């Protein structure tokens, strides 16, 4: 049995070898594309950093939109999202269709086929372009990326934003003028609860 850890991969079309954290569970290999758990890493970043990734693969990180695009378009992948709250609860959402388009198309998200117990907050973002504070592609008159201090597939603005500010559970507008936490709306039916830990990971469809 292979052990979880950092592996070297070279997706088709990649100019060089990439490192990725691969988590093995019951013979399934999960490629981690995002992780939040301690709040030490700032996710308020620009387009280039979200393109190539940032953070430590063993800790909080964003793998990178470019490698997510290359991986998700070379074969059929599913997406799994694990969510932990501050009260000891854990939930998950899985999607049987997941891909990220190329940079020319602003890394547009394709996601559908929900299952799980967290509620479906991500399908709202299907077909949306990725936005950062220096590359605004949402449909809001304001910049959702700037207001929410993160890069994400924003519309006007979100039901899910797993790249938001690391806050501890419930927060009020006295703490933030926007709902800028790590949010999965359908889990708590609110945008004013920030999760303790989240992981986004893709795995090959069977």
C-alpha atoms as a PDB file:
ATOM      1  CA  UNK A   1       0.000   0.000   0.000  1.00  0.00           C
ATOM      2  CA  UNK A   2       1.364   3.419  -0.931  1.00  0.00           C
ATOM      3  CA  UNK A   3       1.657   6.038   1.781  1.00  0.00           C
ATOM      4  CA  UNK A   4       0.299   9.575   1.691  1.00  0.00           C
ATOM      5  CA  UNK A   5       2.860  12.272   0.979  1.00  0.00           C
ATOM      6  CA  UNK A   6       4.401  14.494  -1.669  1.00  0.00           C
ATOM      7  CA  UNK A   7       4.897  12.928  -5.110  1.00  0.00           C
ATOM      8  CA  UNK A   8       6.346  14.190  -8.375  1.00  0.00           C
ATOM      9  CA  UNK A   9       4.042  14.230 -11.400  1.00  0.00           C
ATOM     10  CA  UNK A  10       4.139  15.616 -14.913  1.00  0.00           C
ATOM     11  CA  UNK A  11       0.658  16.079 -16.382  1.00  0.00           C
ATOM     12  CA  UNK A  12       0.297  15.947 -20.146  1.00  0.00           C
ATOM     13  CA  UNK A  13       1.106  19.390 -21.524  1.00  0.00           C
ATOM     14  CA  UNK A  14       3.160  20.469 -18.506  1.00  0.00           C
ATOM     15  CA  UNK A  15       6.537  22.033 -19.232  1.00  0.00           C
ATOM     16  CA  UNK A  16       8.105  20.631 -16.085  1.00  0.00           C
ATOM     17  CA  UNK A  17       7.611  18.194 -13.208  1.00  0.00           C
ATOM     18  CA  UNK A  18       5.210  19.301 -10.471  1.00  0.00           C
ATOM     19  CA  UNK A  19       4.990  18.322  -6.801  1.00  0.00           C
ATOM     20  CA  UNK A  20       1.625  17.381  -5.330  1.00  0.00           C
ATOM     21  CA  UNK A  21       0.387  15.984  -2.027  1.00  0.00           C
ATOM     22  CA  UNK A  22      -1.291  12.649  -2.689  1.00  0.00           C
ATOM     23  CA  UNK A  23      -3.517  11.143  -0.013  1.00  0.00           C
ATOM     24  CA  UNK A  24      -4.186   7.406  -0.237  1.00  0.00           C
ATOM     25  CA  UNK A  25      -7.434   6.126   1.283  1.00  0.00           C
ATOM     26  CA  UNK A  26      -8.661   2.585   0.598  1.00  0.00           C
ATOM     27  CA  UNK A  27      -6.583   2.338  -2.596  1.00  0.00           C
ATOM     28  CA  UNK A  28      -7.934   5.644  -3.919  1.00  0.00           C
ATOM     29  CA  UNK A  29      -5.359   8.342  -4.673  1.00  0.00           C
ATOM     30  CA  UNK A  30      -6.603  11.834  -3.832  1.00  0.00           C
ATOM     31  CA  UNK A  31      -4.618  14.727  -5.299  1.00  0.00           C
ATOM     32  CA  UNK A  32      -4.934  17.613  -2.840  1.00  0.00           C
ATOM     33  CA  UNK A  33      -5.478  20.922  -4.631  1.00  0.00           C
ATOM     34  CA  UNK A  34      -6.314  23.041  -1.572  1.00  0.00           C
ATOM     35  CA  UNK A  35      -5.976  22.744   2.198  1.00  0.00           C
ATOM     36  CA  UNK A  36      -6.785  25.087   5.100  1.00  0.00           C
ATOM     37  CA  UNK A  37      -6.315  24.146   8.735  1.00  0.00           C
ATOM     38  CA  UNK A  38      -4.274  26.612  10.782  1.00  0.00           C
ATOM     39  CA  UNK A  39      -4.798  30.070   9.307  1.00  0.00           C
ATOM     40  CA  UNK A  40      -1.093  30.834   9.046  1.00  0.00           C
ATOM     41  CA  UNK A  41      -1.184  31.379   5.281  1.00  0.00           C
ATOM     42  CA  UNK A  42      -2.761  34.445   3.691  1.00  0.00           C
ATOM     43  CA  UNK A  43      -4.984  33.573   0.702  1.00  0.00           C
ATOM     44  CA  UNK A  44      -5.332  37.197  -0.393  1.00  0.00           C
ATOM     45  CA  UNK A  45      -3.128  36.732  -3.470  1.00  0.00           C
ATOM     46  CA  UNK A  46      -2.931  37.872  -7.064  1.00  0.00           C
ATOM     47  CA  UNK A  47      -3.583  36.085 -10.340  1.00  0.00           C
ATOM     48  CA  UNK A  48      -0.035  34.805 -10.884  1.00  0.00           C
ATOM     49  CA  UNK A  49       0.200  33.267  -7.417  1.00  0.00           C
ATOM     50  CA  UNK A  50      -3.129  31.490  -7.844  1.00  0.00           C
ATOM     51  CA  UNK A  51      -1.971  30.322 -11.277  1.00  0.00           C
ATOM     52  CA  UNK A  52       1.197  28.663 -10.020  1.00  0.00           C
ATOM     53  CA  UNK A  53       0.183  27.922  -6.434  1.00  0.00           C
ATOM     54  CA  UNK A  54       1.473  28.915  -3.017  1.00  0.00           C
ATOM     55  CA  UNK A  55       1.999  27.555   0.489  1.00  0.00           C
ATOM     56  CA  UNK A  56       3.414  24.278   1.793  1.00  0.00           C
ATOM     57  CA  UNK A  57       2.078  21.026   0.370  1.00  0.00           C
ATOM     58  CA  UNK A  58       2.131  19.628   3.918  1.00  0.00           C
ATOM     59  CA  UNK A  59       0.100  22.538   5.282  1.00  0.00           C
ATOM     60  CA  UNK A  60      -2.177  25.291   4.055  1.00  0.00           C
ATOM     61  CA  UNK A  61      -1.793  25.695   0.305  1.00  0.00           C
ATOM     62  CA  UNK A  62      -3.323  26.289  -3.113  1.00  0.00           C
ATOM     63  CA  UNK A  63      -1.838  23.868  -5.627  1.00  0.00           C
ATOM     64  CA  UNK A  64      -2.293  26.170  -8.611  1.00  0.00           C
ATOM     65  CA  UNK A  65      -4.926  26.756 -11.283  1.00  0.00           C
ATOM     66  CA  UNK A  66      -2.594  25.757 -14.096  1.00  0.00           C
ATOM     67  CA  UNK A  67      -1.805  22.295 -12.749  1.00  0.00           C
ATOM     68  CA  UNK A  68      -5.466  21.798 -11.765  1.00  0.00           C
ATOM     69  CA  UNK A  69      -6.354  22.597 -15.372  1.00  0.00           C
ATOM     70  CA  UNK A  70      -3.771  20.199 -16.826  1.00  0.00           C
ATOM     71  CA  UNK A  71      -4.709  17.352 -14.493  1.00  0.00           C
ATOM     72  CA  UNK A  72      -8.473  17.696 -14.789  1.00  0.00           C
ATOM     73  CA  UNK A  73      -8.400  17.797 -18.587  1.00  0.00           C
ATOM     74  CA  UNK A  74      -6.206  14.777 -19.247  1.00  0.00           C
ATOM     75  CA  UNK A  75      -8.817  12.316 -17.943  1.00  0.00           C
ATOM     76  CA  UNK A  76     -12.125  12.190 -16.047  1.00  0.00           C
ATOM     77  CA  UNK A  77     -11.767  13.335 -12.434  1.00  0.00           C
ATOM     78  CA  UNK A  78     -14.115  13.578  -9.483  1.00  0.00           C
ATOM     79  CA  UNK A  79     -13.833  16.239  -6.797  1.00  0.00           C
ATOM     80  CA  UNK A  80     -14.128  15.629  -3.058  1.00  0.00           C
ATOM     81  CA  UNK A  81     -14.351  18.392  -0.479  1.00  0.00           C
ATOM     82  CA  UNK A  82     -13.993  17.635   3.236  1.00  0.00           C
ATOM     83  CA  UNK A  83     -15.209  20.218   5.746  1.00  0.00           C
ATOM     84  CA  UNK A  84     -14.650  20.463   9.503  1.00  0.00           C
ATOM     85  CA  UNK A  85     -16.445  22.905  11.804  1.00  0.00           C
ATOM     86  CA  UNK A  86     -15.378  24.276  15.190  1.00  0.00           C
ATOM     87  CA  UNK A  87     -17.813  22.072  17.127  1.00  0.00           C
ATOM     88  CA  UNK A  88     -16.197  18.775  16.097  1.00  0.00           C
ATOM     89  CA  UNK A  89     -18.466  18.086  13.138  1.00  0.00           C
ATOM     90  CA  UNK A  90     -17.288  16.857   9.758  1.00  0.00           C
ATOM     91  CA  UNK A  91     -19.068  16.753   6.406  1.00  0.00           C
ATOM     92  CA  UNK A  92     -18.217  16.165   2.770  1.00  0.00           C
ATOM     93  CA  UNK A  93     -19.332  16.953  -0.752  1.00  0.00           C
ATOM     94  CA  UNK A  94     -18.398  15.001  -3.870  1.00  0.00           C
ATOM     95  CA  UNK A  95     -18.875  15.911  -7.520  1.00  0.00           C
ATOM     96  CA  UNK A  96     -18.777  13.363 -10.328  1.00  0.00           C
ATOM     97  CA  UNK A  97     -17.814  16.023 -12.889  1.00  0.00           C
ATOM     98  CA  UNK A  98     -14.911  18.372 -12.243  1.00  0.00           C
ATOM     99  CA  UNK A  99     -12.546  20.284 -14.490  1.00  0.00           C
ATOM    100  CA  UNK A 100     -10.802  23.642 -14.709  1.00  0.00           C
ATOM    101  CA  UNK A 101     -10.482  25.360 -18.098  1.00  0.00           C
ATOM    102  CA  UNK A 102      -7.304  27.018 -19.371  1.00  0.00           C
ATOM    103  CA  UNK A 103      -5.971  30.463 -18.538  1.00  0.00           C
ATOM    104  CA  UNK A 104      -7.296  31.973 -21.777  1.00  0.00           C
ATOM    105  CA  UNK A 105     -10.769  31.114 -20.474  1.00  0.00           C
ATOM    106  CA  UNK A 106      -9.941  32.403 -16.994  1.00  0.00           C
ATOM    107  CA  UNK A 107      -9.771  28.916 -15.458  1.00  0.00           C
ATOM    108  CA  UNK A 108     -13.542  28.499 -15.719  1.00  0.00           C
ATOM    109  CA  UNK A 109     -14.911  25.890 -13.321  1.00  0.00           C
ATOM    110  CA  UNK A 110     -16.956  22.922 -14.518  1.00  0.00           C
ATOM    111  CA  UNK A 111     -18.591  21.011 -11.677  1.00  0.00           C
ATOM    112  CA  UNK A 112     -21.769  18.926 -11.307  1.00  0.00           C
ATOM    113  CA  UNK A 113     -23.098  15.624  -9.987  1.00  0.00           C
ATOM    114  CA  UNK A 114     -23.254  16.386  -6.264  1.00  0.00           C
ATOM    115  CA  UNK A 115     -23.458  13.770  -3.521  1.00  0.00           C
ATOM    116  CA  UNK A 116     -22.637  13.969   0.190  1.00  0.00           C
ATOM    117  CA  UNK A 117     -23.950  15.395   3.457  1.00  0.00           C
ATOM    118  CA  UNK A 118     -22.614  18.970   3.386  1.00  0.00           C
ATOM    119  CA  UNK A 119     -25.214  20.291   0.962  1.00  0.00           C
ATOM    120  CA  UNK A 120     -24.434  21.490  -2.539  1.00  0.00           C
ATOM    121  CA  UNK A 121     -22.825  24.916  -2.365  1.00  0.00           C
ATOM    122  CA  UNK A 122     -20.447  24.530  -5.303  1.00  0.00           C
ATOM    123  CA  UNK A 123     -22.805  23.896  -8.240  1.00  0.00           C
ATOM    124  CA  UNK A 124     -23.783  27.580  -7.973  1.00  0.00           C
ATOM    125  CA  UNK A 125     -20.249  28.296  -9.195  1.00  0.00           C
ATOM    126  CA  UNK A 126     -20.418  26.018 -12.241  1.00  0.00           C
ATOM    127  CA  UNK A 127     -19.415  27.892 -15.379  1.00  0.00           C
ATOM    128  CA  UNK A 128     -17.852  30.798 -13.500  1.00  0.00           C
ATOM    129  CA  UNK A 129     -14.447  32.302 -14.209  1.00  0.00           C
ATOM    130  CA  UNK A 130     -11.765  32.546 -11.559  1.00  0.00           C
ATOM    131  CA  UNK A 131     -11.213  35.998 -10.062  1.00  0.00           C
ATOM    132  CA  UNK A 132      -8.491  37.631  -8.019  1.00  0.00           C
ATOM    133  CA  UNK A 133      -8.197  41.196  -6.781  1.00  0.00           C
ATOM    134  CA  UNK A 134      -5.991  42.062  -9.785  1.00  0.00           C
ATOM    135  CA  UNK A 135      -8.031  40.087 -12.353  1.00  0.00           C
ATOM    136  CA  UNK A 136     -11.743  40.615 -11.679  1.00  0.00           C
ATOM    137  CA  UNK A 137     -14.025  38.335 -13.729  1.00  0.00           C
ATOM    138  CA  UNK A 138     -17.180  38.214 -11.598  1.00  0.00           C
ATOM    139  CA  UNK A 139     -20.532  39.838 -12.457  1.00  0.00           C
ATOM    140  CA  UNK A 140     -20.722  42.047  -9.374  1.00  0.00           C
ATOM    141  CA  UNK A 141     -20.391  45.813  -9.731  1.00  0.00           C
ATOM    142  CA  UNK A 142     -17.826  45.514  -6.946  1.00  0.00           C
ATOM    143  CA  UNK A 143     -14.884  43.109  -6.844  1.00  0.00           C
ATOM    144  CA  UNK A 144     -15.865  39.974  -4.922  1.00  0.00           C
ATOM    145  CA  UNK A 145     -12.214  38.916  -4.752  1.00  0.00           C
ATOM    146  CA  UNK A 146     -11.184  42.217  -3.205  1.00  0.00           C
ATOM    147  CA  UNK A 147     -14.133  42.358  -0.798  1.00  0.00           C
ATOM    148  CA  UNK A 148     -13.606  38.755   0.320  1.00  0.00           C
ATOM    149  CA  UNK A 149      -9.796  38.907   0.348  1.00  0.00           C
ATOM    150  CA  UNK A 150      -9.322  35.788  -1.768  1.00  0.00           C
ATOM    151  CA  UNK A 151      -9.245  34.284  -5.223  1.00  0.00           C
ATOM    152  CA  UNK A 152     -12.223  32.094  -6.197  1.00  0.00           C
ATOM    153  CA  UNK A 153     -14.865  31.359  -8.828  1.00  0.00           C
ATOM    154  CA  UNK A 154     -17.047  34.291  -7.818  1.00  0.00           C
ATOM    155  CA  UNK A 155     -20.362  35.321  -9.332  1.00  0.00           C
ATOM    156  CA  UNK A 156     -22.095  37.944  -7.178  1.00  0.00           C
ATOM    157  CA  UNK A 157     -20.548  36.741  -4.924  1.00  0.00           C
ATOM    158  CA  UNK A 158     -20.723  33.104  -3.654  1.00  0.00           C
ATOM    159  CA  UNK A 159     -22.356  30.193  -1.869  1.00  0.00           C
ATOM    160  CA  UNK A 160     -18.963  28.612  -1.273  1.00  0.00           C
ATOM    161  CA  UNK A 161     -15.622  30.308  -0.751  1.00  0.00           C
ATOM    162  CA  UNK A 162     -12.992  28.002   0.691  1.00  0.00           C
ATOM    163  CA  UNK A 163     -10.198  30.531   0.178  1.00  0.00           C
ATOM    164  CA  UNK A 164     -11.650  33.174   2.483  1.00  0.00           C
ATOM    165  CA  UNK A 165     -10.197  34.678   5.648  1.00  0.00           C
ATOM    166  CA  UNK A 166      -9.453  32.164   8.408  1.00  0.00           C
ATOM    167  CA  UNK A 167     -11.926  33.013  11.189  1.00  0.00           C
ATOM    168  CA  UNK A 168     -13.088  30.975  14.169  1.00  0.00           C
ATOM    169  CA  UNK A 169     -16.688  29.929  13.638  1.00  0.00           C
ATOM    170  CA  UNK A 170     -19.459  32.493  13.840  1.00  0.00           C
ATOM    171  CA  UNK A 171     -18.483  36.052  13.103  1.00  0.00           C
ATOM    172  CA  UNK A 172     -20.362  39.340  12.836  1.00  0.00           C
ATOM    173  CA  UNK A 173     -20.187  42.406  10.649  1.00  0.00           C
ATOM    174  CA  UNK A 174     -18.394  44.113  13.519  1.00  0.00           C
ATOM    175  CA  UNK A 175     -15.506  41.768  12.731  1.00  0.00           C
ATOM    176  CA  UNK A 176     -15.880  41.982   8.961  1.00  0.00           C
ATOM    177  CA  UNK A 177     -17.918  44.236   6.674  1.00  0.00           C
ATOM    178  CA  UNK A 178     -18.412  41.298   4.295  1.00  0.00           C
ATOM    179  CA  UNK A 179     -18.947  37.555   4.696  1.00  0.00           C
ATOM    180  CA  UNK A 180     -15.295  36.914   3.984  1.00  0.00           C
ATOM    181  CA  UNK A 181     -14.661  33.720   5.987  1.00  0.00           C
ATOM    182  CA  UNK A 182     -14.131  30.139   4.820  1.00  0.00           C
ATOM    183  CA  UNK A 183     -17.731  29.509   3.849  1.00  0.00           C
ATOM    184  CA  UNK A 184     -19.823  26.545   2.705  1.00  0.00           C
ATOM    185  CA  UNK A 185     -23.289  28.063   2.879  1.00  0.00           C
ATOM    186  CA  UNK A 186     -25.404  24.901   2.888  1.00  0.00           C
ATOM    187  CA  UNK A 187     -23.552  23.404   5.860  1.00  0.00           C
ATOM    188  CA  UNK A 188     -24.733  26.088   8.311  1.00  0.00           C
ATOM    189  CA  UNK A 189     -27.258  27.924   6.099  1.00  0.00           C
ATOM    190  CA  UNK A 190     -25.308  31.133   6.540  1.00  0.00           C
ATOM    191  CA  UNK A 191     -22.377  33.064   5.132  1.00  0.00           C
ATOM    192  CA  UNK A 192     -21.377  34.173   8.639  1.00  0.00           C
ATOM    193  CA  UNK A 193     -19.734  30.947   9.794  1.00  0.00           C
ATOM    194  CA  UNK A 194     -16.103  30.249   8.954  1.00  0.00           C
ATOM    195  CA  UNK A 195     -14.919  26.638   8.921  1.00  0.00           C
ATOM    196  CA  UNK A 196     -11.996  25.244  10.918  1.00  0.00           C
ATOM    197  CA  UNK A 197     -10.517  23.004   8.243  1.00  0.00           C
ATOM    198  CA  UNK A 198     -11.204  22.267   4.584  1.00  0.00           C
ATOM    199  CA  UNK A 199      -9.614  20.117   1.891  1.00  0.00           C
ATOM    200  CA  UNK A 200     -10.285  20.021  -1.842  1.00  0.00           C
ATOM    201  CA  UNK A 201      -8.978  16.963  -3.640  1.00  0.00           C
ATOM    202  CA  UNK A 202      -9.475  15.397  -7.035  1.00  0.00           C
ATOM    203  CA  UNK A 203      -9.363  11.716  -7.889  1.00  0.00           C
ATOM    204  CA  UNK A 204      -9.765   9.634 -11.006  1.00  0.00           C
ATOM    205  CA  UNK A 205     -13.268   8.485 -11.799  1.00  0.00           C
ATOM    206  CA  UNK A 206     -13.664   4.711 -11.759  1.00  0.00           C
END
